[in-house]
Amino acid sequence: MTDAIRVNDPSALRALAHPLRLKIIGELRTRGAMTVGQLAAALSAAPGSVSYHLATLATHGFVAPAPDLARDGRERWWRATADTTHYVPAELQEDQEQREASWAFRRTIVQSYEAELLEHLDREDGDAPEWIEAATLGDIISWLTADEADELRREVEELAARWSRRGYERRDDADVRPVRFIYASFGRR
């Protein structure tokens, strides 16, 4: 698997602009290779729907079959082809099709973050106190130039990448679990 897959093709961006496809990629990146049945159960989705979306993702290189894991000819395993998806919205502004596809993709991402945060809040009552204390949700306002905002973005991305690498190395330890780190910065008007 590569570290990141870079996306600027409108068709690929539109393929990612589907909530179930984002969840499929997320499961494969978090849990590793899975069968259609395992994905369907984990995502509460119909196996036929999962198969259809896997084929769409495979067309654009986001997932690939993992036949080496199959125990027999009927079992179909899939894996993510990259740890992350990288796109640069600023590079997708000149072409209208790219701009619209980028907007649809980012809108789907924001909606998935909202759903995951609300799901976390709904489950919080049953969580261990140390995990409740370790979670955070907040925001700040800072007055920055565009260059300073870009510097902030780079620093946050470097911080997130460092923690991701550190966590990935220990993902099979008994006392760790996947932790979602969501961040956003944008110039307000």
C-alpha atoms as a PDB file:
ATOM      1  CA  MET A   1       0.000   0.000   0.000  1.00  0.00           C
ATOM      2  CA  THR A   2       1.245   3.500  -0.782  1.00  0.00           C
ATOM      3  CA  ASP A   3       1.111   6.380   1.696  1.00  0.00           C
ATOM      4  CA  ALA A   4      -1.288   8.523  -0.330  1.00  0.00           C
ATOM      5  CA  ILE A   5      -3.226   8.505  -3.551  1.00  0.00           C
ATOM      6  CA  ARG A   6      -3.421  11.923  -5.217  1.00  0.00           C
ATOM      7  CA  VAL A   7      -6.757  12.810  -6.781  1.00  0.00           C
ATOM      8  CA  ASN A   8      -7.592  15.556  -9.261  1.00  0.00           C
ATOM      9  CA  ASP A   9      -9.701  13.676 -11.822  1.00  0.00           C
ATOM     10  CA  PRO A  10     -13.349  14.840 -11.615  1.00  0.00           C
ATOM     11  CA  SER A  11     -14.626  11.304 -12.167  1.00  0.00           C
ATOM     12  CA  ALA A  12     -12.541   9.974  -9.254  1.00  0.00           C
ATOM     13  CA  LEU A  13     -13.627  12.854  -7.023  1.00  0.00           C
ATOM     14  CA  ARG A  14     -17.272  12.132  -7.835  1.00  0.00           C
ATOM     15  CA  ALA A  15     -16.692   8.452  -7.056  1.00  0.00           C
ATOM     16  CA  LEU A  16     -15.493   9.484  -3.601  1.00  0.00           C
ATOM     17  CA  ALA A  17     -18.439  11.841  -3.124  1.00  0.00           C
ATOM     18  CA  HIS A  18     -20.630   8.985  -1.908  1.00  0.00           C
ATOM     19  CA  PRO A  19     -21.025   8.326   1.838  1.00  0.00           C
ATOM     20  CA  LEU A  20     -20.893   4.526   1.589  1.00  0.00           C
ATOM     21  CA  ARG A  21     -17.769   4.620  -0.570  1.00  0.00           C
ATOM     22  CA  LEU A  22     -16.025   6.830   1.979  1.00  0.00           C
ATOM     23  CA  LYS A  23     -17.035   4.389   4.722  1.00  0.00           C
ATOM     24  CA  ILE A  24     -15.759   1.422   2.710  1.00  0.00           C
ATOM     25  CA  ILE A  25     -12.373   3.061   2.195  1.00  0.00           C
ATOM     26  CA  GLY A  26     -12.285   4.040   5.871  1.00  0.00           C
ATOM     27  CA  GLU A  27     -12.959   0.466   7.004  1.00  0.00           C
ATOM     28  CA  LEU A  28     -10.311  -0.978   4.702  1.00  0.00           C
ATOM     29  CA  ARG A  29      -7.758   1.601   5.823  1.00  0.00           C
ATOM     30  CA  THR A  30      -8.563   1.122   9.506  1.00  0.00           C
ATOM     31  CA  ARG A  31      -9.133  -2.637   9.723  1.00  0.00           C
ATOM     32  CA  GLY A  32      -7.121  -3.882   6.753  1.00  0.00           C
ATOM     33  CA  ALA A  33      -8.334  -6.175   3.997  1.00  0.00           C
ATOM     34  CA  MET A  34     -11.894  -7.445   4.301  1.00  0.00           C
ATOM     35  CA  THR A  35     -14.423  -9.504   2.357  1.00  0.00           C
ATOM     36  CA  VAL A  36     -17.615  -8.055   0.900  1.00  0.00           C
ATOM     37  CA  GLY A  37     -19.554  -9.861   3.648  1.00  0.00           C
ATOM     38  CA  GLN A  38     -17.376  -8.423   6.399  1.00  0.00           C
ATOM     39  CA  LEU A  39     -17.712  -4.920   4.983  1.00  0.00           C
ATOM     40  CA  ALA A  40     -21.481  -5.307   4.603  1.00  0.00           C
ATOM     41  CA  ALA A  41     -21.808  -6.401   8.242  1.00  0.00           C
ATOM     42  CA  ALA A  42     -19.505  -3.660   9.558  1.00  0.00           C
ATOM     43  CA  LEU A  43     -21.341  -0.952   7.606  1.00  0.00           C
ATOM     44  CA  SER A  44     -24.895  -2.336   7.908  1.00  0.00           C
ATOM     45  CA  ALA A  45     -25.149  -2.343   4.122  1.00  0.00           C
ATOM     46  CA  ALA A  46     -26.390  -4.863   1.578  1.00  0.00           C
ATOM     47  CA  PRO A  47     -23.600  -7.055   0.138  1.00  0.00           C
ATOM     48  CA  GLY A  48     -24.732  -6.241  -3.413  1.00  0.00           C
ATOM     49  CA  SER A  49     -24.454  -2.542  -2.714  1.00  0.00           C
ATOM     50  CA  VAL A  50     -20.997  -2.991  -1.169  1.00  0.00           C
ATOM     51  CA  SER A  51     -19.862  -5.000  -4.208  1.00  0.00           C
ATOM     52  CA  TYR A  52     -21.120  -2.305  -6.576  1.00  0.00           C
ATOM     53  CA  HIS A  53     -19.323   0.468  -4.670  1.00  0.00           C
ATOM     54  CA  LEU A  54     -16.121  -1.591  -4.409  1.00  0.00           C
ATOM     55  CA  ALA A  55     -16.130  -1.989  -8.197  1.00  0.00           C
ATOM     56  CA  THR A  56     -16.518   1.779  -8.604  1.00  0.00           C
ATOM     57  CA  LEU A  57     -13.675   2.433  -6.162  1.00  0.00           C
ATOM     58  CA  ALA A  58     -11.487  -0.146  -7.923  1.00  0.00           C
ATOM     59  CA  THR A  59     -12.097   1.546 -11.292  1.00  0.00           C
ATOM     60  CA  HIS A  60     -10.440   4.671  -9.863  1.00  0.00           C
ATOM     61  CA  GLY A  61      -7.625   2.827  -8.060  1.00  0.00           C
ATOM     62  CA  PHE A  62      -8.788   3.400  -4.472  1.00  0.00           C
ATOM     63  CA  VAL A  63      -9.193  -0.311  -3.682  1.00  0.00           C
ATOM     64  CA  ALA A  64      -7.885  -3.521  -5.185  1.00  0.00           C
ATOM     65  CA  PRO A  65      -8.760  -7.199  -4.909  1.00  0.00           C
ATOM     66  CA  ALA A  66      -6.689  -9.205  -2.421  1.00  0.00           C
ATOM     67  CA  PRO A  67      -6.983 -12.746  -3.840  1.00  0.00           C
ATOM     68  CA  ASP A  68      -4.035 -13.951  -1.755  1.00  0.00           C
ATOM     69  CA  LEU A  69      -6.298 -13.862   1.322  1.00  0.00           C
ATOM     70  CA  ALA A  70      -9.126 -15.983  -0.119  1.00  0.00           C
ATOM     71  CA  ARG A  71      -9.609 -19.459   1.330  1.00  0.00           C
ATOM     72  CA  ASP A  72     -11.579 -20.605  -1.712  1.00  0.00           C
ATOM     73  CA  GLY A  73     -12.680 -19.373  -5.140  1.00  0.00           C
ATOM     74  CA  ARG A  74     -15.928 -17.855  -3.841  1.00  0.00           C
ATOM     75  CA  GLU A  75     -14.339 -15.572  -1.262  1.00  0.00           C
ATOM     76  CA  ARG A  76     -13.467 -12.049  -2.507  1.00  0.00           C
ATOM     77  CA  TRP A  77     -11.157  -9.945  -0.366  1.00  0.00           C
ATOM     78  CA  TRP A  78     -10.450  -6.254  -0.918  1.00  0.00           C
ATOM     79  CA  ARG A  79      -7.817  -3.850   0.375  1.00  0.00           C
ATOM     80  CA  ALA A  80      -7.252  -0.114   0.193  1.00  0.00           C
ATOM     81  CA  THR A  81      -4.481   0.910  -2.178  1.00  0.00           C
ATOM     82  CA  ALA A  82      -3.311   3.889  -0.077  1.00  0.00           C
ATOM     83  CA  ASP A  83      -3.343   5.020   3.544  1.00  0.00           C
ATOM     84  CA  THR A  84      -4.767   8.433   2.670  1.00  0.00           C
ATOM     85  CA  THR A  85      -6.337  10.394  -0.156  1.00  0.00           C
ATOM     86  CA  HIS A  86      -4.632  13.655  -1.078  1.00  0.00           C
ATOM     87  CA  TYR A  87      -6.191  16.443  -3.085  1.00  0.00           C
ATOM     88  CA  VAL A  88      -5.488  20.156  -3.311  1.00  0.00           C
ATOM     89  CA  PRO A  89      -8.732  22.135  -3.712  1.00  0.00           C
ATOM     90  CA  ALA A  90      -6.843  25.221  -4.919  1.00  0.00           C
ATOM     91  CA  GLU A  91      -5.551  23.209  -7.881  1.00  0.00           C
ATOM     92  CA  LEU A  92      -9.111  22.256  -8.825  1.00  0.00           C
ATOM     93  CA  GLN A  93     -10.573  25.732  -9.271  1.00  0.00           C
ATOM     94  CA  GLU A  94      -9.889  26.601 -12.906  1.00  0.00           C
ATOM     95  CA  ASP A  95     -11.876  23.791 -14.512  1.00  0.00           C
ATOM     96  CA  GLN A  96     -15.612  23.893 -13.704  1.00  0.00           C
ATOM     97  CA  GLU A  97     -15.989  20.100 -13.718  1.00  0.00           C
ATOM     98  CA  GLN A  98     -13.069  19.690 -11.294  1.00  0.00           C
ATOM     99  CA  ARG A  99     -14.401  22.505  -9.091  1.00  0.00           C
ATOM    100  CA  GLU A 100     -17.873  20.961  -8.880  1.00  0.00           C
ATOM    101  CA  ALA A 101     -16.509  17.464  -8.226  1.00  0.00           C
ATOM    102  CA  SER A 102     -14.182  18.803  -5.538  1.00  0.00           C
ATOM    103  CA  TRP A 103     -17.075  20.640  -3.893  1.00  0.00           C
ATOM    104  CA  ALA A 104     -19.252  17.489  -3.905  1.00  0.00           C
ATOM    105  CA  PHE A 105     -16.412  15.389  -2.454  1.00  0.00           C
ATOM    106  CA  ARG A 106     -15.604  17.862   0.317  1.00  0.00           C
ATOM    107  CA  ARG A 107     -19.287  18.284   1.173  1.00  0.00           C
ATOM    108  CA  THR A 108     -19.603  14.502   1.610  1.00  0.00           C
ATOM    109  CA  ILE A 109     -16.520  14.499   3.853  1.00  0.00           C
ATOM    110  CA  VAL A 110     -17.957  17.252   6.076  1.00  0.00           C
ATOM    111  CA  GLN A 111     -21.252  15.377   6.345  1.00  0.00           C
ATOM    112  CA  SER A 112     -19.433  12.165   7.288  1.00  0.00           C
ATOM    113  CA  TYR A 113     -17.484  14.021   9.997  1.00  0.00           C
ATOM    114  CA  GLU A 114     -20.721  15.412  11.418  1.00  0.00           C
ATOM    115  CA  ALA A 115     -22.324  11.956  11.458  1.00  0.00           C
ATOM    116  CA  GLU A 116     -19.287  10.397  13.146  1.00  0.00           C
ATOM    117  CA  LEU A 117     -19.096  13.126  15.790  1.00  0.00           C
ATOM    118  CA  LEU A 118     -22.797  12.747  16.596  1.00  0.00           C
ATOM    119  CA  GLU A 119     -22.395   8.959  16.765  1.00  0.00           C
ATOM    120  CA  HIS A 120     -19.513   9.460  19.209  1.00  0.00           C
ATOM    121  CA  LEU A 121     -21.675  11.679  21.433  1.00  0.00           C
ATOM    122  CA  ASP A 122     -24.484   9.107  21.364  1.00  0.00           C
ATOM    123  CA  ARG A 123     -22.091   6.335  22.473  1.00  0.00           C
ATOM    124  CA  GLU A 124     -20.195   8.384  25.037  1.00  0.00           C
ATOM    125  CA  ASP A 125     -22.282   7.227  28.015  1.00  0.00           C
ATOM    126  CA  GLY A 126     -20.989   3.687  27.652  1.00  0.00           C
ATOM    127  CA  ASP A 127     -17.338   4.634  27.270  1.00  0.00           C
ATOM    128  CA  ALA A 128     -14.599   4.414  29.873  1.00  0.00           C
ATOM    129  CA  PRO A 129     -13.930   7.685  31.751  1.00  0.00           C
ATOM    130  CA  GLU A 130     -10.336   7.904  30.482  1.00  0.00           C
ATOM    131  CA  TRP A 131     -11.562   7.807  26.873  1.00  0.00           C
ATOM    132  CA  ILE A 132     -14.181  10.468  27.561  1.00  0.00           C
ATOM    133  CA  GLU A 133     -11.515  12.679  29.120  1.00  0.00           C
ATOM    134  CA  ALA A 134      -9.110  12.052  26.222  1.00  0.00           C
ATOM    135  CA  ALA A 135     -11.643  13.238  23.633  1.00  0.00           C
ATOM    136  CA  THR A 136     -11.826  16.870  22.612  1.00  0.00           C
ATOM    137  CA  LEU A 137     -14.021  19.170  20.612  1.00  0.00           C
ATOM    138  CA  GLY A 138     -13.371  22.850  20.237  1.00  0.00           C
ATOM    139  CA  ASP A 139     -12.374  25.711  18.043  1.00  0.00           C
ATOM    140  CA  ILE A 140     -10.394  28.930  18.067  1.00  0.00           C
ATOM    141  CA  ILE A 141     -10.435  32.119  16.060  1.00  0.00           C
ATOM    142  CA  SER A 142      -7.121  33.573  14.986  1.00  0.00           C
ATOM    143  CA  TRP A 143      -6.475  36.561  12.732  1.00  0.00           C
ATOM    144  CA  LEU A 144      -4.041  35.378  10.053  1.00  0.00           C
ATOM    145  CA  THR A 145      -2.813  36.214   6.599  1.00  0.00           C
ATOM    146  CA  ALA A 146      -3.289  33.606   3.860  1.00  0.00           C
ATOM    147  CA  ASP A 147       0.403  32.675   4.216  1.00  0.00           C
ATOM    148  CA  GLU A 148       0.016  32.206   7.975  1.00  0.00           C
ATOM    149  CA  ALA A 149      -3.137  30.135   7.482  1.00  0.00           C
ATOM    150  CA  ASP A 150      -1.183  27.955   5.053  1.00  0.00           C
ATOM    151  CA  GLU A 151       1.614  27.595   7.621  1.00  0.00           C
ATOM    152  CA  LEU A 152      -0.973  26.547  10.237  1.00  0.00           C
ATOM    153  CA  ARG A 153      -2.402  23.979   7.785  1.00  0.00           C
ATOM    154  CA  ARG A 154       1.040  22.486   7.126  1.00  0.00           C
ATOM    155  CA  GLU A 155       1.859  22.271  10.840  1.00  0.00           C
ATOM    156  CA  VAL A 156      -1.443  20.577  11.680  1.00  0.00           C
ATOM    157  CA  GLU A 157      -1.031  18.116   8.797  1.00  0.00           C
ATOM    158  CA  GLU A 158       2.517  17.293   9.969  1.00  0.00           C
ATOM    159  CA  LEU A 159       1.268  16.785  13.528  1.00  0.00           C
ATOM    160  CA  ALA A 160      -1.565  14.524  12.346  1.00  0.00           C
ATOM    161  CA  ALA A 161       0.802  12.499  10.133  1.00  0.00           C
ATOM    162  CA  ARG A 162       3.275  12.015  13.005  1.00  0.00           C
ATOM    163  CA  TRP A 163       0.565  10.708  15.341  1.00  0.00           C
ATOM    164  CA  SER A 164      -0.885   8.536  12.589  1.00  0.00           C
ATOM    165  CA  ARG A 165       2.487   6.870  11.958  1.00  0.00           C
ATOM    166  CA  ARG A 166       3.046   6.380  15.688  1.00  0.00           C
ATOM    167  CA  GLY A 167      -0.379   4.837  16.166  1.00  0.00           C
ATOM    168  CA  TYR A 168      -0.167   2.621  13.100  1.00  0.00           C
ATOM    169  CA  GLU A 169       2.951   0.944  14.451  1.00  0.00           C
ATOM    170  CA  ARG A 170       1.048  -0.066  17.611  1.00  0.00           C
ATOM    171  CA  ARG A 171      -2.390  -0.777  16.164  1.00  0.00           C
ATOM    172  CA  ASP A 172      -2.422  -4.404  17.344  1.00  0.00           C
ATOM    173  CA  ASP A 173      -1.687  -3.517  20.996  1.00  0.00           C
ATOM    174  CA  ALA A 174      -4.538  -4.416  23.377  1.00  0.00           C
ATOM    175  CA  ASP A 175      -4.861  -0.957  24.944  1.00  0.00           C
ATOM    176  CA  VAL A 176      -5.120   1.089  21.726  1.00  0.00           C
ATOM    177  CA  ARG A 177      -8.115   1.879  19.531  1.00  0.00           C
ATOM    178  CA  PRO A 178      -8.527   3.978  16.413  1.00  0.00           C
ATOM    179  CA  VAL A 179      -8.819   7.666  17.311  1.00  0.00           C
ATOM    180  CA  ARG A 180     -10.324  10.043  14.759  1.00  0.00           C
ATOM    181  CA  PHE A 181      -8.573  13.411  14.548  1.00  0.00           C
ATOM    182  CA  ILE A 182     -10.748  15.882  12.663  1.00  0.00           C
ATOM    183  CA  TYR A 183      -9.562  19.399  11.986  1.00  0.00           C
ATOM    184  CA  ALA A 184     -10.484  22.200   9.660  1.00  0.00           C
ATOM    185  CA  SER A 185      -9.343  25.739   9.095  1.00  0.00           C
ATOM    186  CA  PHE A 186     -10.764  28.277   6.710  1.00  0.00           C
ATOM    187  CA  GLY A 187     -10.888  32.019   6.242  1.00  0.00           C
ATOM    188  CA  ARG A 188     -14.155  33.497   7.447  1.00  0.00           C
ATOM    189  CA  ARG A 189     -15.692  36.515   5.763  1.00  0.00           C
END
